[in-house]
Amino acid sequence: MQKRSRAVKQEEPPLCSAVVFLGRDHSGRWIVREENNVFGGMFVNKATALRYALFENGNHPEAIVSCAAPLEFEWPALRRA
């Protein structure tokens, strides 16, 4: 009996999406903030914030982390070096 062998094509693993934080700030506004401050924003409701987060991260819901503690939005241009 002959054994057949097949060449298996190795593919690159999918790139991991950056973590996106979703939560409320001290004033109750919904905040979306990418872990490296590449994108983010303030929103009046959770549905809009979540839709924005999914749009910006390429529709990867597994990369969105809901924060129970207050989450503050940082404007990248205003951060001190």
PDB file of N, CA and C in Angstrom:
ATOM      1  N   MET A   1       0.839  -1.171   0.000  1.00  0.00           N
ATOM      2  CA  MET A   1       0.000   0.000   0.000  1.00  0.00           C
ATOM      3  C   MET A   1       0.890   1.242   0.000  1.00  0.00           C
ATOM      4  N   GLN A   2       0.625   2.162  -0.925  1.00  0.00           N
ATOM      5  CA  GLN A   2       1.443   3.364  -1.037  1.00  0.00           C
ATOM      6  C   GLN A   2       0.851   4.483  -0.199  1.00  0.00           C
ATOM      7  N   LYS A   3       1.737   5.231   0.414  1.00  0.00           N
ATOM      8  CA  LYS A   3       1.306   6.408   1.161  1.00  0.00           C
ATOM      9  C   LYS A   3       1.372   7.616   0.244  1.00  0.00           C
ATOM     10  N   ARG A   4       0.364   8.387   0.276  1.00  0.00           N
ATOM     11  CA  ARG A   4       0.374   9.621  -0.502  1.00  0.00           C
ATOM     12  C   ARG A   4       0.739  10.771   0.420  1.00  0.00           C
ATOM     13  N   SER A   5       1.569  11.602  -0.081  1.00  0.00           N
ATOM     14  CA  SER A   5       1.899  12.790   0.707  1.00  0.00           C
ATOM     15  C   SER A   5       1.467  14.019  -0.079  1.00  0.00           C
ATOM     16  N   ARG A   6       0.976  14.964   0.643  1.00  0.00           N
ATOM     17  CA  ARG A   6       0.527  16.210   0.029  1.00  0.00           C
ATOM     18  C   ARG A   6       1.331  17.356   0.579  1.00  0.00           C
ATOM     19  N   ALA A   7       1.725  18.226  -0.297  1.00  0.00           N
ATOM     20  CA  ALA A   7       2.394  19.439   0.165  1.00  0.00           C
ATOM     21  C   ALA A   7       1.325  20.372   0.726  1.00  0.00           C
ATOM     22  N   VAL A   8       1.582  20.860   1.893  1.00  0.00           N
ATOM     23  CA  VAL A   8       0.641  21.773   2.532  1.00  0.00           C
ATOM     24  C   VAL A   8       1.174  23.181   2.374  1.00  0.00           C
ATOM     25  N   LYS A   9       0.359  24.022   1.802  1.00  0.00           N
ATOM     26  CA  LYS A   9       0.756  25.410   1.612  1.00  0.00           C
ATOM     27  C   LYS A   9       0.599  26.144   2.940  1.00  0.00           C
ATOM     28  N   GLN A  10       1.690  26.704   3.396  1.00  0.00           N
ATOM     29  CA  GLN A  10       1.632  27.460   4.641  1.00  0.00           C
ATOM     30  C   GLN A  10       1.249  28.894   4.321  1.00  0.00           C
ATOM     31  N   GLU A  11       0.304  29.373   5.061  1.00  0.00           N
ATOM     32  CA  GLU A  11      -0.145  30.743   4.870  1.00  0.00           C
ATOM     33  C   GLU A  11       0.283  31.577   6.060  1.00  0.00           C
ATOM     34  N   GLU A  12       0.410  32.854   5.804  1.00  0.00           N
ATOM     35  CA  GLU A  12       0.733  33.781   6.885  1.00  0.00           C
ATOM     36  C   GLU A  12      -0.448  33.834   7.847  1.00  0.00           C
ATOM     37  N   PRO A  13      -0.173  33.861   9.136  1.00  0.00           N
ATOM     38  CA  PRO A  13      -1.287  33.999  10.079  1.00  0.00           C
ATOM     39  C   PRO A  13      -1.913  35.378   9.915  1.00  0.00           C
ATOM     40  N   PRO A  14      -3.186  35.507  10.219  1.00  0.00           N
ATOM     41  CA  PRO A  14      -3.817  36.821  10.086  1.00  0.00           C
ATOM     42  C   PRO A  14      -3.194  37.813  11.055  1.00  0.00           C
ATOM     43  N   LEU A  15      -3.112  39.046  10.620  1.00  0.00           N
ATOM     44  CA  LEU A  15      -2.576  40.085  11.490  1.00  0.00           C
ATOM     45  C   LEU A  15      -3.551  40.326  12.635  1.00  0.00           C
ATOM     46  N   CYS A  16      -3.011  40.492  13.797  1.00  0.00           N
ATOM     47  CA  CYS A  16      -3.856  40.767  14.952  1.00  0.00           C
ATOM     48  C   CYS A  16      -4.245  42.238  14.938  1.00  0.00           C
ATOM     49  N   SER A  17      -5.485  42.498  15.211  1.00  0.00           N
ATOM     50  CA  SER A  17      -5.940  43.872  15.296  1.00  0.00           C
ATOM     51  C   SER A  17      -5.478  44.461  16.615  1.00  0.00           C
ATOM     52  N   ALA A  18      -5.257  45.755  16.600  1.00  0.00           N
ATOM     53  CA  ALA A  18      -4.924  46.443  17.838  1.00  0.00           C
ATOM     54  C   ALA A  18      -6.160  46.437  18.734  1.00  0.00           C
ATOM     55  N   VAL A  19      -5.934  46.497  20.009  1.00  0.00           N
ATOM     56  CA  VAL A  19      -7.038  46.527  20.968  1.00  0.00           C
ATOM     57  C   VAL A  19      -7.701  47.899  20.915  1.00  0.00           C
ATOM     58  N   VAL A  20      -9.019  47.895  20.931  1.00  0.00           N
ATOM     59  CA  VAL A  20      -9.804  49.126  20.942  1.00  0.00           C
ATOM     60  C   VAL A  20     -10.618  49.137  22.229  1.00  0.00           C
ATOM     61  N   PHE A  21     -10.471  50.203  23.001  1.00  0.00           N
ATOM     62  CA  PHE A  21     -11.186  50.334  24.266  1.00  0.00           C
ATOM     63  C   PHE A  21     -12.485  51.096  24.037  1.00  0.00           C
ATOM     64  N   LEU A  22     -13.552  50.626  24.672  1.00  0.00           N
ATOM     65  CA  LEU A  22     -14.872  51.235  24.567  1.00  0.00           C
ATOM     66  C   LEU A  22     -15.410  51.409  25.977  1.00  0.00           C
ATOM     67  N   GLY A  23     -15.783  52.630  26.318  1.00  0.00           N
ATOM     68  CA  GLY A  23     -16.313  52.884  27.654  1.00  0.00           C
ATOM     69  C   GLY A  23     -16.817  54.308  27.773  1.00  0.00           C
ATOM     70  N   ARG A  24     -17.158  54.698  28.987  1.00  0.00           N
ATOM     71  CA  ARG A  24     -17.668  56.050  29.249  1.00  0.00           C
ATOM     72  C   ARG A  24     -16.619  56.879  29.977  1.00  0.00           C
ATOM     73  N   ASP A  25     -16.650  58.175  29.722  1.00  0.00           N
ATOM     74  CA  ASP A  25     -15.759  59.069  30.455  1.00  0.00           C
ATOM     75  C   ASP A  25     -16.470  59.568  31.717  1.00  0.00           C
ATOM     76  N   HIS A  26     -15.828  60.467  32.439  1.00  0.00           N
ATOM     77  CA  HIS A  26     -16.394  60.954  33.706  1.00  0.00           C
ATOM     78  C   HIS A  26     -17.692  61.741  33.506  1.00  0.00           C
ATOM     79  N   SER A  27     -17.949  62.219  32.280  1.00  0.00           N
ATOM     80  CA  SER A  27     -19.174  62.971  31.985  1.00  0.00           C
ATOM     81  C   SER A  27     -20.279  62.110  31.379  1.00  0.00           C
ATOM     82  N   GLY A  28     -19.999  60.816  31.194  1.00  0.00           N
ATOM     83  CA  GLY A  28     -21.005  59.917  30.651  1.00  0.00           C
ATOM     84  C   GLY A  28     -20.986  59.771  29.141  1.00  0.00           C
ATOM     85  N   ARG A  29     -20.058  60.467  28.466  1.00  0.00           N
ATOM     86  CA  ARG A  29     -19.942  60.312  27.011  1.00  0.00           C
ATOM     87  C   ARG A  29     -19.279  58.985  26.695  1.00  0.00           C
ATOM     88  N   TRP A  30     -19.647  58.381  25.574  1.00  0.00           N
ATOM     89  CA  TRP A  30     -19.031  57.132  25.140  1.00  0.00           C
ATOM     90  C   TRP A  30     -17.721  57.443  24.438  1.00  0.00           C
ATOM     91  N   ILE A  31     -16.680  56.716  24.809  1.00  0.00           N
ATOM     92  CA  ILE A  31     -15.335  56.934  24.287  1.00  0.00           C
ATOM     93  C   ILE A  31     -14.869  55.676  23.573  1.00  0.00           C
ATOM     94  N   VAL A  32     -14.256  55.867  22.418  1.00  0.00           N
ATOM     95  CA  VAL A  32     -13.560  54.799  21.698  1.00  0.00           C
ATOM     96  C   VAL A  32     -12.116  55.253  21.599  1.00  0.00           C
ATOM     97  N   ARG A  33     -11.198  54.361  21.985  1.00  0.00           N
ATOM     98  CA  ARG A  33      -9.778  54.712  21.914  1.00  0.00           C
ATOM     99  C   ARG A  33      -8.961  53.485  21.546  1.00  0.00           C
ATOM    100  N   GLU A  34      -8.226  53.582  20.459  1.00  0.00           N
ATOM    101  CA  GLU A  34      -7.317  52.514  20.060  1.00  0.00           C
ATOM    102  C   GLU A  34      -6.123  52.548  20.996  1.00  0.00           C
ATOM    103  N   GLU A  35      -5.557  51.387  21.312  1.00  0.00           N
ATOM    104  CA  GLU A  35      -4.523  51.299  22.344  1.00  0.00           C
ATOM    105  C   GLU A  35      -3.313  52.185  22.083  1.00  0.00           C
ATOM    106  N   ASN A  36      -2.987  52.469  20.821  1.00  0.00           N
ATOM    107  CA  ASN A  36      -1.839  53.316  20.486  1.00  0.00           C
ATOM    108  C   ASN A  36      -2.260  54.720  20.080  1.00  0.00           C
ATOM    109  N   ASN A  37      -3.496  55.075  20.363  1.00  0.00           N
ATOM    110  CA  ASN A  37      -4.070  56.376  20.006  1.00  0.00           C
ATOM    111  C   ASN A  37      -3.999  56.671  18.516  1.00  0.00           C
ATOM    112  N   VAL A  38      -4.105  55.630  17.694  1.00  0.00           N
ATOM    113  CA  VAL A  38      -4.136  55.820  16.245  1.00  0.00           C
ATOM    114  C   VAL A  38      -5.484  56.425  15.841  1.00  0.00           C
ATOM    115  N   PHE A  39      -6.556  56.027  16.510  1.00  0.00           N
ATOM    116  CA  PHE A  39      -7.871  56.605  16.260  1.00  0.00           C
ATOM    117  C   PHE A  39      -8.670  56.579  17.542  1.00  0.00           C
ATOM    118  N   GLY A  40      -9.726  57.348  17.551  1.00  0.00           N
ATOM    119  CA  GLY A  40     -10.606  57.394  18.703  1.00  0.00           C
ATOM    120  C   GLY A  40     -11.615  58.505  18.538  1.00  0.00           C
ATOM    121  N   GLY A  41     -12.561  58.568  19.458  1.00  0.00           N
ATOM    122  CA  GLY A  41     -13.561  59.616  19.395  1.00  0.00           C
ATOM    123  C   GLY A  41     -14.514  59.563  20.561  1.00  0.00           C
ATOM    124  N   MET A  42     -15.365  60.607  20.638  1.00  0.00           N
ATOM    125  CA  MET A  42     -16.397  60.720  21.665  1.00  0.00           C
ATOM    126  C   MET A  42     -17.754  60.599  20.990  1.00  0.00           C
ATOM    127  N   PHE A  43     -18.684  59.911  21.654  1.00  0.00           N
ATOM    128  CA  PHE A  43     -19.986  59.642  21.055  1.00  0.00           C
ATOM    129  C   PHE A  43     -21.084  59.808  22.091  1.00  0.00           C
ATOM    130  N   VAL A  44     -22.295  60.102  21.622  1.00  0.00           N
ATOM    131  CA  VAL A  44     -23.413  60.298  22.547  1.00  0.00           C
ATOM    132  C   VAL A  44     -24.092  58.996  22.930  1.00  0.00           C
ATOM    133  N   ASN A  45     -23.887  57.920  22.138  1.00  0.00           N
ATOM    134  CA  ASN A  45     -24.490  56.644  22.513  1.00  0.00           C
ATOM    135  C   ASN A  45     -23.556  55.484  22.174  1.00  0.00           C
ATOM    136  N   LYS A  46     -23.821  54.367  22.810  1.00  0.00           N
ATOM    137  CA  LYS A  46     -22.961  53.190  22.674  1.00  0.00           C
ATOM    138  C   LYS A  46     -23.017  52.593  21.272  1.00  0.00           C
ATOM    139  N   ALA A  47     -24.195  52.575  20.658  1.00  0.00           N
ATOM    140  CA  ALA A  47     -24.336  51.972  19.326  1.00  0.00           C
ATOM    141  C   ALA A  47     -23.451  52.677  18.302  1.00  0.00           C
ATOM    142  N   THR A  48     -23.433  53.992  18.337  1.00  0.00           N
ATOM    143  CA  THR A  48     -22.602  54.753  17.402  1.00  0.00           C
ATOM    144  C   THR A  48     -21.127  54.535  17.697  1.00  0.00           C
ATOM    145  N   ALA A  49     -20.770  54.501  18.973  1.00  0.00           N
ATOM    146  CA  ALA A  49     -19.372  54.269  19.354  1.00  0.00           C
ATOM    147  C   ALA A  49     -18.907  52.893  18.891  1.00  0.00           C
ATOM    148  N   LEU A  50     -19.738  51.892  19.078  1.00  0.00           N
ATOM    149  CA  LEU A  50     -19.385  50.534  18.667  1.00  0.00           C
ATOM    150  C   LEU A  50     -19.277  50.424  17.146  1.00  0.00           C
ATOM    151  N   ARG A  51     -20.199  51.056  16.438  1.00  0.00           N
ATOM    152  CA  ARG A  51     -20.154  51.031  14.968  1.00  0.00           C
ATOM    153  C   ARG A  51     -18.856  51.674  14.462  1.00  0.00           C
ATOM    154  N   TYR A  52     -18.459  52.793  15.071  1.00  0.00           N
ATOM    155  CA  TYR A  52     -17.209  53.462  14.703  1.00  0.00           C
ATOM    156  C   TYR A  52     -16.004  52.564  14.997  1.00  0.00           C
ATOM    157  N   ALA A  53     -15.990  51.944  16.171  1.00  0.00           N
ATOM    158  CA  ALA A  53     -14.871  51.070  16.550  1.00  0.00           C
ATOM    159  C   ALA A  53     -14.725  49.910  15.567  1.00  0.00           C
ATOM    160  N   LEU A  54     -15.833  49.306  15.196  1.00  0.00           N
ATOM    161  CA  LEU A  54     -15.796  48.193  14.241  1.00  0.00           C
ATOM    162  C   LEU A  54     -15.343  48.656  12.858  1.00  0.00           C
ATOM    163  N   PHE A  55     -15.791  49.823  12.441  1.00  0.00           N
ATOM    164  CA  PHE A  55     -15.381  50.361  11.143  1.00  0.00           C
ATOM    165  C   PHE A  55     -13.876  50.608  11.120  1.00  0.00           C
ATOM    166  N   GLU A  56     -13.372  51.236  12.167  1.00  0.00           N
ATOM    167  CA  GLU A  56     -11.954  51.603  12.205  1.00  0.00           C
ATOM    168  C   GLU A  56     -11.025  50.406  12.372  1.00  0.00           C
ATOM    169  N   ASN A  57     -11.468  49.361  13.064  1.00  0.00           N
ATOM    170  CA  ASN A  57     -10.560  48.229  13.291  1.00  0.00           C
ATOM    171  C   ASN A  57     -10.760  47.091  12.289  1.00  0.00           C
ATOM    172  N   GLY A  58     -11.491  47.350  11.207  1.00  0.00           N
ATOM    173  CA  GLY A  58     -11.654  46.330  10.178  1.00  0.00           C
ATOM    174  C   GLY A  58     -12.665  45.261  10.531  1.00  0.00           C
ATOM    175  N   ASN A  59     -13.647  45.614  11.355  1.00  0.00           N
ATOM    176  CA  ASN A  59     -14.722  44.697  11.758  1.00  0.00           C
ATOM    177  C   ASN A  59     -14.199  43.480  12.525  1.00  0.00           C
ATOM    178  N   HIS A  60     -13.430  43.756  13.578  1.00  0.00           N
ATOM    179  CA  HIS A  60     -12.913  42.701  14.458  1.00  0.00           C
ATOM    180  C   HIS A  60     -13.486  42.903  15.864  1.00  0.00           C
ATOM    181  N   PRO A  61     -14.700  42.394  16.122  1.00  0.00           N
ATOM    182  CA  PRO A  61     -15.301  42.601  17.439  1.00  0.00           C
ATOM    183  C   PRO A  61     -14.497  41.977  18.574  1.00  0.00           C
ATOM    184  N   GLU A  62     -13.706  40.952  18.270  1.00  0.00           N
ATOM    185  CA  GLU A  62     -12.903  40.313  19.315  1.00  0.00           C
ATOM    186  C   GLU A  62     -11.791  41.222  19.830  1.00  0.00           C
ATOM    187  N   ALA A  63     -11.493  42.300  19.113  1.00  0.00           N
ATOM    188  CA  ALA A  63     -10.433  43.218  19.526  1.00  0.00           C
ATOM    189  C   ALA A  63     -10.974  44.415  20.309  1.00  0.00           C
ATOM    190  N   ILE A  64     -12.279  44.438  20.576  1.00  0.00           N
ATOM    191  CA  ILE A  64     -12.884  45.547  21.315  1.00  0.00           C
ATOM    192  C   ILE A  64     -13.066  45.136  22.767  1.00  0.00           C
ATOM    193  N   VAL A  65     -12.552  45.969  23.659  1.00  0.00           N
ATOM    194  CA  VAL A  65     -12.605  45.698  25.096  1.00  0.00           C
ATOM    195  C   VAL A  65     -13.498  46.744  25.753  1.00  0.00           C
ATOM    196  N   SER A  66     -14.546  46.290  26.436  1.00  0.00           N
ATOM    197  CA  SER A  66     -15.416  47.199  27.181  1.00  0.00           C
ATOM    198  C   SER A  66     -14.793  47.488  28.530  1.00  0.00           C
ATOM    199  N   CYS A  67     -14.712  48.756  28.860  1.00  0.00           N
ATOM    200  CA  CYS A  67     -14.089  49.178  30.122  1.00  0.00           C
ATOM    201  C   CYS A  67     -15.160  49.582  31.122  1.00  0.00           C
ATOM    202  N   ALA A  68     -15.082  49.028  32.317  1.00  0.00           N
ATOM    203  CA  ALA A  68     -16.018  49.396  33.376  1.00  0.00           C
ATOM    204  C   ALA A  68     -15.578  50.688  34.057  1.00  0.00           C
ATOM    205  N   ALA A  69     -14.272  50.884  34.180  1.00  0.00           N
ATOM    206  CA  ALA A  69     -13.734  52.098  34.794  1.00  0.00           C
ATOM    207  C   ALA A  69     -13.832  53.249  33.795  1.00  0.00           C
ATOM    208  N   PRO A  70     -13.896  54.480  34.284  1.00  0.00           N
ATOM    209  CA  PRO A  70     -13.956  55.620  33.360  1.00  0.00           C
ATOM    210  C   PRO A  70     -12.788  55.613  32.379  1.00  0.00           C
ATOM    211  N   LEU A  71     -13.106  55.916  31.141  1.00  0.00           N
ATOM    212  CA  LEU A  71     -12.125  55.921  30.061  1.00  0.00           C
ATOM    213  C   LEU A  71     -12.046  57.338  29.525  1.00  0.00           C
ATOM    214  N   GLU A  72     -10.873  57.904  29.488  1.00  0.00           N
ATOM    215  CA  GLU A  72     -10.714  59.272  29.001  1.00  0.00           C
ATOM    216  C   GLU A  72     -10.125  59.267  27.601  1.00  0.00           C
ATOM    217  N   PHE A  73     -10.609  60.170  26.781  1.00  0.00           N
ATOM    218  CA  PHE A  73     -10.102  60.304  25.418  1.00  0.00           C
ATOM    219  C   PHE A  73      -8.905  61.235  25.439  1.00  0.00           C
ATOM    220  N   GLU A  74      -7.841  60.840  24.768  1.00  0.00           N
ATOM    221  CA  GLU A  74      -6.638  61.671  24.681  1.00  0.00           C
ATOM    222  C   GLU A  74      -6.462  62.111  23.240  1.00  0.00           C
ATOM    223  N   TRP A  75      -6.430  63.404  23.013  1.00  0.00           N
ATOM    224  CA  TRP A  75      -6.149  63.908  21.675  1.00  0.00           C
ATOM    225  C   TRP A  75      -4.670  63.708  21.419  1.00  0.00           C
ATOM    226  N   PRO A  76      -4.292  62.936  20.395  1.00  0.00           N
ATOM    227  CA  PRO A  76      -2.870  62.655  20.142  1.00  0.00           C
ATOM    228  C   PRO A  76      -2.016  63.907  20.020  1.00  0.00           C
ATOM    229  N   ALA A  77      -2.527  64.960  19.410  1.00  0.00           N
ATOM    230  CA  ALA A  77      -1.739  66.181  19.226  1.00  0.00           C
ATOM    231  C   ALA A  77      -1.496  66.909  20.543  1.00  0.00           C
ATOM    232  N   LEU A  78      -2.310  66.634  21.552  1.00  0.00           N
ATOM    233  CA  LEU A  78      -2.181  67.330  22.829  1.00  0.00           C
ATOM    234  C   LEU A  78      -1.338  66.580  23.849  1.00  0.00           C
ATOM    235  N   ARG A  79      -0.954  65.356  23.509  1.00  0.00           N
ATOM    236  CA  ARG A  79      -0.124  64.591  24.447  1.00  0.00           C
ATOM    237  C   ARG A  79       1.245  65.235  24.559  1.00  0.00           C
ATOM    238  N   ARG A  80       1.777  65.193  25.738  1.00  0.00           N
ATOM    239  CA  ARG A  80       3.112  65.773  25.946  1.00  0.00           C
ATOM    240  C   ARG A  80       4.172  64.747  25.611  1.00  0.00           C
ATOM    241  N   ALA A  81       5.200  65.202  24.949  1.00  0.00           N
ATOM    242  CA  ALA A  81       6.296  64.306  24.544  1.00  0.00           C
ATOM    243  C   ALA A  81       7.221  64.030  25.696  1.00  0.00           C
TER     244      ALA A  81
END
